[in-house]
Amino acid sequence: MAGRSWAGTTLDDRKAARRGQLVDAGLDLLGTQGSAGVSVRAVCRHAKLTERYFYESFTDREELVVAVYEHIGEQARQALVDAVSDTAEPAERAKAAVRAFVELMLDDPRKGRVLLLAPITDPALTTRGIALLPSFAELVSGQLSHGDAAERQMTSIGLVGALSNVFIAYLDGSLKVSRERLIEHCVRLVLGADREPVGGAETPPRKRPNA
């Protein structure tokens, strides 16, 4: 049955398209109205679909919210991977990564609010937001040049926390600076963190693959 086509599309294609509509609606509501604006009824109304189609893809409202969050989290991860893939120079990598993240989070503020603000207010995302942090920290750690594995891990965890809070303050309006100043500050944070640890034996800078 799933392989049968109608008007040029299969049942699975139509189901995937409806799921995409629901995720897009969830992004719009969560990213503009916050958690309080996201209910099954509101999402269906926004997506112009019936509740029957909602439960075709999601068991409940919480599962949809997690799907929206993971969708944006994967976009952010991929944007960072793509940004650092074409240069081996540390300052340029840092600038490219920060700029890519800023563009994703601020050009469409809904995505920034979903990734950084929603986990603070929506119980469905509290543990999921915490679970996603190690993957970002691991990505940052892979770009650091100094220190042993434990040092790079600690540095990357600290950087992700610091940068997240800077972006949260920018998104909620408590930090009022220009976009360029925000980027410059975040680049300085990244470059300032990637240096030889103070005290103890020095560890030679780590060679990056394909550098």
C-alpha atoms as a PDB file:
ATOM      1  CA  MET A   1       0.000   0.000   0.000  1.00  0.00           C
ATOM      2  CA  ALA A   2       2.816   2.431   0.912  1.00  0.00           C
ATOM      3  CA  GLY A   3       4.295   2.096  -2.581  1.00  0.00           C
ATOM      4  CA  ARG A   4       1.054   2.938  -4.440  1.00  0.00           C
ATOM      5  CA  SER A   5       1.054   6.355  -6.056  1.00  0.00           C
ATOM      6  CA  TRP A   6      -1.640   8.961  -6.432  1.00  0.00           C
ATOM      7  CA  ALA A   7      -1.185  12.145  -8.473  1.00  0.00           C
ATOM      8  CA  GLY A   8       2.477  11.236  -8.859  1.00  0.00           C
ATOM      9  CA  THR A   9       3.263  10.740  -5.153  1.00  0.00           C
ATOM     10  CA  THR A  10       3.289   7.671  -2.929  1.00  0.00           C
ATOM     11  CA  LEU A  11       1.542   7.329   0.411  1.00  0.00           C
ATOM     12  CA  ASP A  12       4.923   7.535   2.157  1.00  0.00           C
ATOM     13  CA  ASP A  13       5.742  10.728   0.250  1.00  0.00           C
ATOM     14  CA  ARG A  14       2.486  12.344   1.330  1.00  0.00           C
ATOM     15  CA  LYS A  15       2.969  11.220   4.912  1.00  0.00           C
ATOM     16  CA  ALA A  16       6.500  12.689   4.940  1.00  0.00           C
ATOM     17  CA  ALA A  17       5.191  15.932   3.457  1.00  0.00           C
ATOM     18  CA  ARG A  18       2.508  16.203   6.149  1.00  0.00           C
ATOM     19  CA  ARG A  19       5.103  15.523   8.835  1.00  0.00           C
ATOM     20  CA  GLY A  20       7.238  18.306   7.374  1.00  0.00           C
ATOM     21  CA  GLN A  21       4.263  20.672   7.490  1.00  0.00           C
ATOM     22  CA  LEU A  22       3.721  19.870  11.155  1.00  0.00           C
ATOM     23  CA  VAL A  23       7.398  20.364  12.017  1.00  0.00           C
ATOM     24  CA  ASP A  24       7.404  23.695  10.169  1.00  0.00           C
ATOM     25  CA  ALA A  25       4.290  24.762  12.053  1.00  0.00           C
ATOM     26  CA  GLY A  26       5.874  23.705  15.332  1.00  0.00           C
ATOM     27  CA  LEU A  27       8.991  25.723  14.521  1.00  0.00           C
ATOM     28  CA  ASP A  28       6.925  28.800  13.734  1.00  0.00           C
ATOM     29  CA  LEU A  29       4.850  28.559  16.916  1.00  0.00           C
ATOM     30  CA  LEU A  30       7.685  27.561  19.272  1.00  0.00           C
ATOM     31  CA  GLY A  31      10.009  30.135  17.738  1.00  0.00           C
ATOM     32  CA  THR A  32       7.557  33.033  17.941  1.00  0.00           C
ATOM     33  CA  GLN A  33       5.106  32.313  20.755  1.00  0.00           C
ATOM     34  CA  GLY A  34       7.192  30.026  22.948  1.00  0.00           C
ATOM     35  CA  SER A  35       6.050  26.837  24.653  1.00  0.00           C
ATOM     36  CA  ALA A  36       2.666  28.229  25.611  1.00  0.00           C
ATOM     37  CA  GLY A  37       1.766  28.654  21.956  1.00  0.00           C
ATOM     38  CA  VAL A  38       2.396  25.026  21.024  1.00  0.00           C
ATOM     39  CA  SER A  39      -0.525  22.651  21.374  1.00  0.00           C
ATOM     40  CA  VAL A  40      -1.759  19.874  19.110  1.00  0.00           C
ATOM     41  CA  ARG A  41      -4.739  21.982  18.070  1.00  0.00           C
ATOM     42  CA  ALA A  42      -2.641  25.093  17.399  1.00  0.00           C
ATOM     43  CA  VAL A  43      -0.075  23.152  15.361  1.00  0.00           C
ATOM     44  CA  CYS A  44      -2.777  21.486  13.249  1.00  0.00           C
ATOM     45  CA  ARG A  45      -4.506  24.795  12.645  1.00  0.00           C
ATOM     46  CA  HIS A  46      -1.193  26.401  11.663  1.00  0.00           C
ATOM     47  CA  ALA A  47      -0.289  23.503   9.355  1.00  0.00           C
ATOM     48  CA  LYS A  48      -3.842  23.365   7.939  1.00  0.00           C
ATOM     49  CA  LEU A  49      -4.085  19.671   8.771  1.00  0.00           C
ATOM     50  CA  THR A  50      -6.499  17.686  10.906  1.00  0.00           C
ATOM     51  CA  GLU A  51      -5.530  16.060  14.189  1.00  0.00           C
ATOM     52  CA  ARG A  52      -5.807  12.701  12.440  1.00  0.00           C
ATOM     53  CA  TYR A  53      -2.709  13.607  10.449  1.00  0.00           C
ATOM     54  CA  PHE A  54      -0.923  14.890  13.541  1.00  0.00           C
ATOM     55  CA  TYR A  55      -1.247  11.503  15.241  1.00  0.00           C
ATOM     56  CA  GLU A  56      -0.157   9.811  12.033  1.00  0.00           C
ATOM     57  CA  SER A  57       3.349  11.197  12.706  1.00  0.00           C
ATOM     58  CA  PHE A  58       3.522  12.019  16.433  1.00  0.00           C
ATOM     59  CA  THR A  59       2.184  10.376  19.561  1.00  0.00           C
ATOM     60  CA  ASP A  60       1.758  13.666  21.399  1.00  0.00           C
ATOM     61  CA  ARG A  61       2.700  17.331  21.551  1.00  0.00           C
ATOM     62  CA  GLU A  62       5.988  16.577  23.341  1.00  0.00           C
ATOM     63  CA  GLU A  63       7.201  14.300  20.559  1.00  0.00           C
ATOM     64  CA  LEU A  64       6.588  17.065  18.022  1.00  0.00           C
ATOM     65  CA  VAL A  65       8.471  19.630  20.110  1.00  0.00           C
ATOM     66  CA  VAL A  66      11.466  17.295  20.371  1.00  0.00           C
ATOM     67  CA  ALA A  67      11.346  16.698  16.604  1.00  0.00           C
ATOM     68  CA  VAL A  68      11.409  20.458  15.959  1.00  0.00           C
ATOM     69  CA  TYR A  69      14.324  20.905  18.356  1.00  0.00           C
ATOM     70  CA  GLU A  70      16.340  18.047  16.865  1.00  0.00           C
ATOM     71  CA  HIS A  71      15.672  19.343  13.349  1.00  0.00           C
ATOM     72  CA  ILE A  72      17.159  22.743  14.225  1.00  0.00           C
ATOM     73  CA  GLY A  73      19.972  21.154  16.229  1.00  0.00           C
ATOM     74  CA  GLU A  74      21.020  19.140  13.178  1.00  0.00           C
ATOM     75  CA  GLN A  75      20.920  22.267  11.010  1.00  0.00           C
ATOM     76  CA  ALA A  76      23.198  24.034  13.480  1.00  0.00           C
ATOM     77  CA  ARG A  77      25.616  21.117  13.664  1.00  0.00           C
ATOM     78  CA  GLN A  78      25.812  20.844   9.884  1.00  0.00           C
ATOM     79  CA  ALA A  79      26.301  24.594   9.478  1.00  0.00           C
ATOM     80  CA  LEU A  80      29.302  24.438  11.820  1.00  0.00           C
ATOM     81  CA  VAL A  81      30.770  21.376  10.082  1.00  0.00           C
ATOM     82  CA  ASP A  82      30.439  23.015   6.677  1.00  0.00           C
ATOM     83  CA  ALA A  83      31.905  26.301   7.917  1.00  0.00           C
ATOM     84  CA  VAL A  84      35.196  24.811   9.128  1.00  0.00           C
ATOM     85  CA  SER A  85      35.722  22.295   6.343  1.00  0.00           C
ATOM     86  CA  ASP A  86      37.430  24.631   3.867  1.00  0.00           C
ATOM     87  CA  THR A  87      40.147  26.266   5.961  1.00  0.00           C
ATOM     88  CA  ALA A  88      42.964  25.077   8.222  1.00  0.00           C
ATOM     89  CA  GLU A  89      43.920  28.455   9.723  1.00  0.00           C
ATOM     90  CA  PRO A  90      42.601  28.698  13.331  1.00  0.00           C
ATOM     91  CA  ALA A  91      41.451  32.331  13.210  1.00  0.00           C
ATOM     92  CA  GLU A  92      39.616  31.781   9.933  1.00  0.00           C
ATOM     93  CA  ARG A  93      38.002  28.577  11.230  1.00  0.00           C
ATOM     94  CA  ALA A  94      36.779  30.365  14.340  1.00  0.00           C
ATOM     95  CA  LYS A  95      35.409  33.291  12.360  1.00  0.00           C
ATOM     96  CA  ALA A  96      33.709  31.018   9.818  1.00  0.00           C
ATOM     97  CA  ALA A  97      32.107  28.867  12.515  1.00  0.00           C
ATOM     98  CA  VAL A  98      30.831  31.806  14.559  1.00  0.00           C
ATOM     99  CA  ARG A  99      29.503  33.610  11.497  1.00  0.00           C
ATOM    100  CA  ALA A 100      27.711  30.461  10.272  1.00  0.00           C
ATOM    101  CA  PHE A 101      26.063  29.976  13.665  1.00  0.00           C
ATOM    102  CA  VAL A 102      25.075  33.648  13.877  1.00  0.00           C
ATOM    103  CA  GLU A 103      23.551  33.540  10.405  1.00  0.00           C
ATOM    104  CA  LEU A 104      21.514  30.444  11.241  1.00  0.00           C
ATOM    105  CA  MET A 105      20.352  31.689  14.650  1.00  0.00           C
ATOM    106  CA  LEU A 106      19.774  35.362  13.894  1.00  0.00           C
ATOM    107  CA  ASP A 107      18.757  35.482  10.229  1.00  0.00           C
ATOM    108  CA  ASP A 108      15.850  33.311  11.331  1.00  0.00           C
ATOM    109  CA  PRO A 109      15.417  34.156  15.053  1.00  0.00           C
ATOM    110  CA  ARG A 110      12.826  31.387  15.400  1.00  0.00           C
ATOM    111  CA  LYS A 111      15.645  28.864  15.112  1.00  0.00           C
ATOM    112  CA  GLY A 112      17.723  30.624  17.737  1.00  0.00           C
ATOM    113  CA  ARG A 113      14.801  30.711  20.146  1.00  0.00           C
ATOM    114  CA  VAL A 114      14.031  27.023  19.568  1.00  0.00           C
ATOM    115  CA  LEU A 115      17.637  25.880  20.022  1.00  0.00           C
ATOM    116  CA  LEU A 116      18.661  28.147  22.898  1.00  0.00           C
ATOM    117  CA  LEU A 117      15.568  29.508  24.656  1.00  0.00           C
ATOM    118  CA  ALA A 118      12.971  26.735  24.352  1.00  0.00           C
ATOM    119  CA  PRO A 119      14.963  24.199  26.460  1.00  0.00           C
ATOM    120  CA  ILE A 120      14.811  26.685  29.344  1.00  0.00           C
ATOM    121  CA  THR A 121      11.023  26.907  29.340  1.00  0.00           C
ATOM    122  CA  ASP A 122       9.672  23.699  27.813  1.00  0.00           C
ATOM    123  CA  PRO A 123       9.871  20.579  30.015  1.00  0.00           C
ATOM    124  CA  ALA A 124       9.862  18.386  26.900  1.00  0.00           C
ATOM    125  CA  LEU A 125      13.234  19.862  25.947  1.00  0.00           C
ATOM    126  CA  THR A 126      14.974  20.255  29.286  1.00  0.00           C
ATOM    127  CA  THR A 127      16.801  16.921  29.181  1.00  0.00           C
ATOM    128  CA  ARG A 128      17.048  16.934  25.371  1.00  0.00           C
ATOM    129  CA  GLY A 129      18.809  20.289  25.427  1.00  0.00           C
ATOM    130  CA  ILE A 130      21.329  18.984  27.939  1.00  0.00           C
ATOM    131  CA  ALA A 131      21.825  15.832  25.856  1.00  0.00           C
ATOM    132  CA  LEU A 132      22.634  17.844  22.744  1.00  0.00           C
ATOM    133  CA  LEU A 133      25.401  19.884  24.375  1.00  0.00           C
ATOM    134  CA  PRO A 134      28.052  17.115  24.294  1.00  0.00           C
ATOM    135  CA  SER A 135      27.731  16.808  20.515  1.00  0.00           C
ATOM    136  CA  PHE A 136      28.428  20.511  20.107  1.00  0.00           C
ATOM    137  CA  ALA A 137      31.259  20.336  22.627  1.00  0.00           C
ATOM    138  CA  GLU A 138      32.775  17.411  20.711  1.00  0.00           C
ATOM    139  CA  LEU A 139      32.577  19.412  17.494  1.00  0.00           C
ATOM    140  CA  VAL A 140      34.328  22.366  19.132  1.00  0.00           C
ATOM    141  CA  SER A 141      36.931  20.107  20.715  1.00  0.00           C
ATOM    142  CA  GLY A 142      37.832  18.766  17.280  1.00  0.00           C
ATOM    143  CA  GLN A 143      38.835  22.279  16.218  1.00  0.00           C
ATOM    144  CA  LEU A 144      41.100  22.993  19.205  1.00  0.00           C
ATOM    145  CA  SER A 145      44.865  22.685  18.778  1.00  0.00           C
ATOM    146  CA  HIS A 146      46.328  22.790  22.292  1.00  0.00           C
ATOM    147  CA  GLY A 147      46.223  20.564  25.340  1.00  0.00           C
ATOM    148  CA  ASP A 148      45.559  16.884  25.808  1.00  0.00           C
ATOM    149  CA  ALA A 149      42.162  15.249  25.262  1.00  0.00           C
ATOM    150  CA  ALA A 150      40.892  16.103  28.746  1.00  0.00           C
ATOM    151  CA  GLU A 151      42.014  19.728  28.423  1.00  0.00           C
ATOM    152  CA  ARG A 152      40.306  20.097  25.058  1.00  0.00           C
ATOM    153  CA  GLN A 153      37.147  18.513  26.424  1.00  0.00           C
ATOM    154  CA  MET A 154      37.009  20.919  29.376  1.00  0.00           C
ATOM    155  CA  THR A 155      37.748  23.880  27.135  1.00  0.00           C
ATOM    156  CA  SER A 156      35.081  22.925  24.602  1.00  0.00           C
ATOM    157  CA  ILE A 157      32.435  22.401  27.307  1.00  0.00           C
ATOM    158  CA  GLY A 158      33.254  25.801  28.776  1.00  0.00           C
ATOM    159  CA  LEU A 159      33.162  27.450  25.357  1.00  0.00           C
ATOM    160  CA  VAL A 160      29.781  25.966  24.439  1.00  0.00           C
ATOM    161  CA  GLY A 161      28.348  27.157  27.745  1.00  0.00           C
ATOM    162  CA  ALA A 162      29.811  30.648  27.401  1.00  0.00           C
ATOM    163  CA  LEU A 163      28.779  31.091  23.779  1.00  0.00           C
ATOM    164  CA  SER A 164      25.283  29.739  24.456  1.00  0.00           C
ATOM    165  CA  ASN A 165      24.730  32.289  27.205  1.00  0.00           C
ATOM    166  CA  VAL A 166      25.985  35.140  25.035  1.00  0.00           C
ATOM    167  CA  PHE A 167      23.571  34.146  22.265  1.00  0.00           C
ATOM    168  CA  ILE A 168      20.703  33.703  24.754  1.00  0.00           C
ATOM    169  CA  ALA A 169      21.263  37.223  26.065  1.00  0.00           C
ATOM    170  CA  TYR A 170      21.315  38.561  22.504  1.00  0.00           C
ATOM    171  CA  LEU A 171      18.126  36.726  21.546  1.00  0.00           C
ATOM    172  CA  ASP A 172      16.155  37.737  24.636  1.00  0.00           C
ATOM    173  CA  GLY A 173      17.163  41.371  24.176  1.00  0.00           C
ATOM    174  CA  SER A 174      19.225  41.814  27.341  1.00  0.00           C
ATOM    175  CA  LEU A 175      22.432  42.155  25.294  1.00  0.00           C
ATOM    176  CA  LYS A 176      22.220  45.074  22.890  1.00  0.00           C
ATOM    177  CA  VAL A 177      25.200  45.123  20.529  1.00  0.00           C
ATOM    178  CA  SER A 178      25.583  45.016  16.758  1.00  0.00           C
ATOM    179  CA  ARG A 179      25.803  41.700  14.968  1.00  0.00           C
ATOM    180  CA  GLU A 180      29.422  42.376  13.948  1.00  0.00           C
ATOM    181  CA  ARG A 181      30.433  43.166  17.504  1.00  0.00           C
ATOM    182  CA  LEU A 182      28.749  39.961  18.666  1.00  0.00           C
ATOM    183  CA  ILE A 183      30.683  37.961  16.077  1.00  0.00           C
ATOM    184  CA  GLU A 184      33.994  39.631  16.943  1.00  0.00           C
ATOM    185  CA  HIS A 185      33.523  38.956  20.658  1.00  0.00           C
ATOM    186  CA  CYS A 186      32.636  35.289  20.104  1.00  0.00           C
ATOM    187  CA  VAL A 187      35.640  34.815  17.820  1.00  0.00           C
ATOM    188  CA  ARG A 188      37.892  36.268  20.521  1.00  0.00           C
ATOM    189  CA  LEU A 189      36.378  33.852  23.047  1.00  0.00           C
ATOM    190  CA  VAL A 190      37.153  30.879  20.802  1.00  0.00           C
ATOM    191  CA  LEU A 191      40.688  31.979  19.936  1.00  0.00           C
ATOM    192  CA  GLY A 192      41.462  32.981  23.518  1.00  0.00           C
ATOM    193  CA  ALA A 193      40.414  29.565  24.784  1.00  0.00           C
ATOM    194  CA  ASP A 194      42.567  27.652  22.301  1.00  0.00           C
ATOM    195  CA  ARG A 195      45.965  28.258  23.832  1.00  0.00           C
ATOM    196  CA  GLU A 196      48.551  26.368  25.820  1.00  0.00           C
ATOM    197  CA  PRO A 197      47.306  25.515  29.347  1.00  0.00           C
ATOM    198  CA  VAL A 198      49.023  27.452  32.134  1.00  0.00           C
ATOM    199  CA  GLY A 199      51.148  25.288  34.452  1.00  0.00           C
ATOM    200  CA  GLY A 200      52.277  21.705  34.073  1.00  0.00           C
ATOM    201  CA  ALA A 201      54.142  20.218  31.150  1.00  0.00           C
ATOM    202  CA  GLU A 202      53.490  21.768  27.802  1.00  0.00           C
ATOM    203  CA  THR A 203      51.642  19.721  25.254  1.00  0.00           C
ATOM    204  CA  PRO A 204      52.620  20.291  21.613  1.00  0.00           C
ATOM    205  CA  PRO A 205      49.852  21.677  19.419  1.00  0.00           C
ATOM    206  CA  ARG A 206      47.762  18.879  17.950  1.00  0.00           C
ATOM    207  CA  LYS A 207      47.869  18.442  14.192  1.00  0.00           C
ATOM    208  CA  ARG A 208      44.456  18.580  12.566  1.00  0.00           C
ATOM    209  CA  PRO A 209      43.659  15.979   9.906  1.00  0.00           C
ATOM    210  CA  ASN A 210      44.171  17.301   6.380  1.00  0.00           C
ATOM    211  CA  ALA A 211      45.594  20.540   7.756  1.00  0.00           C
END
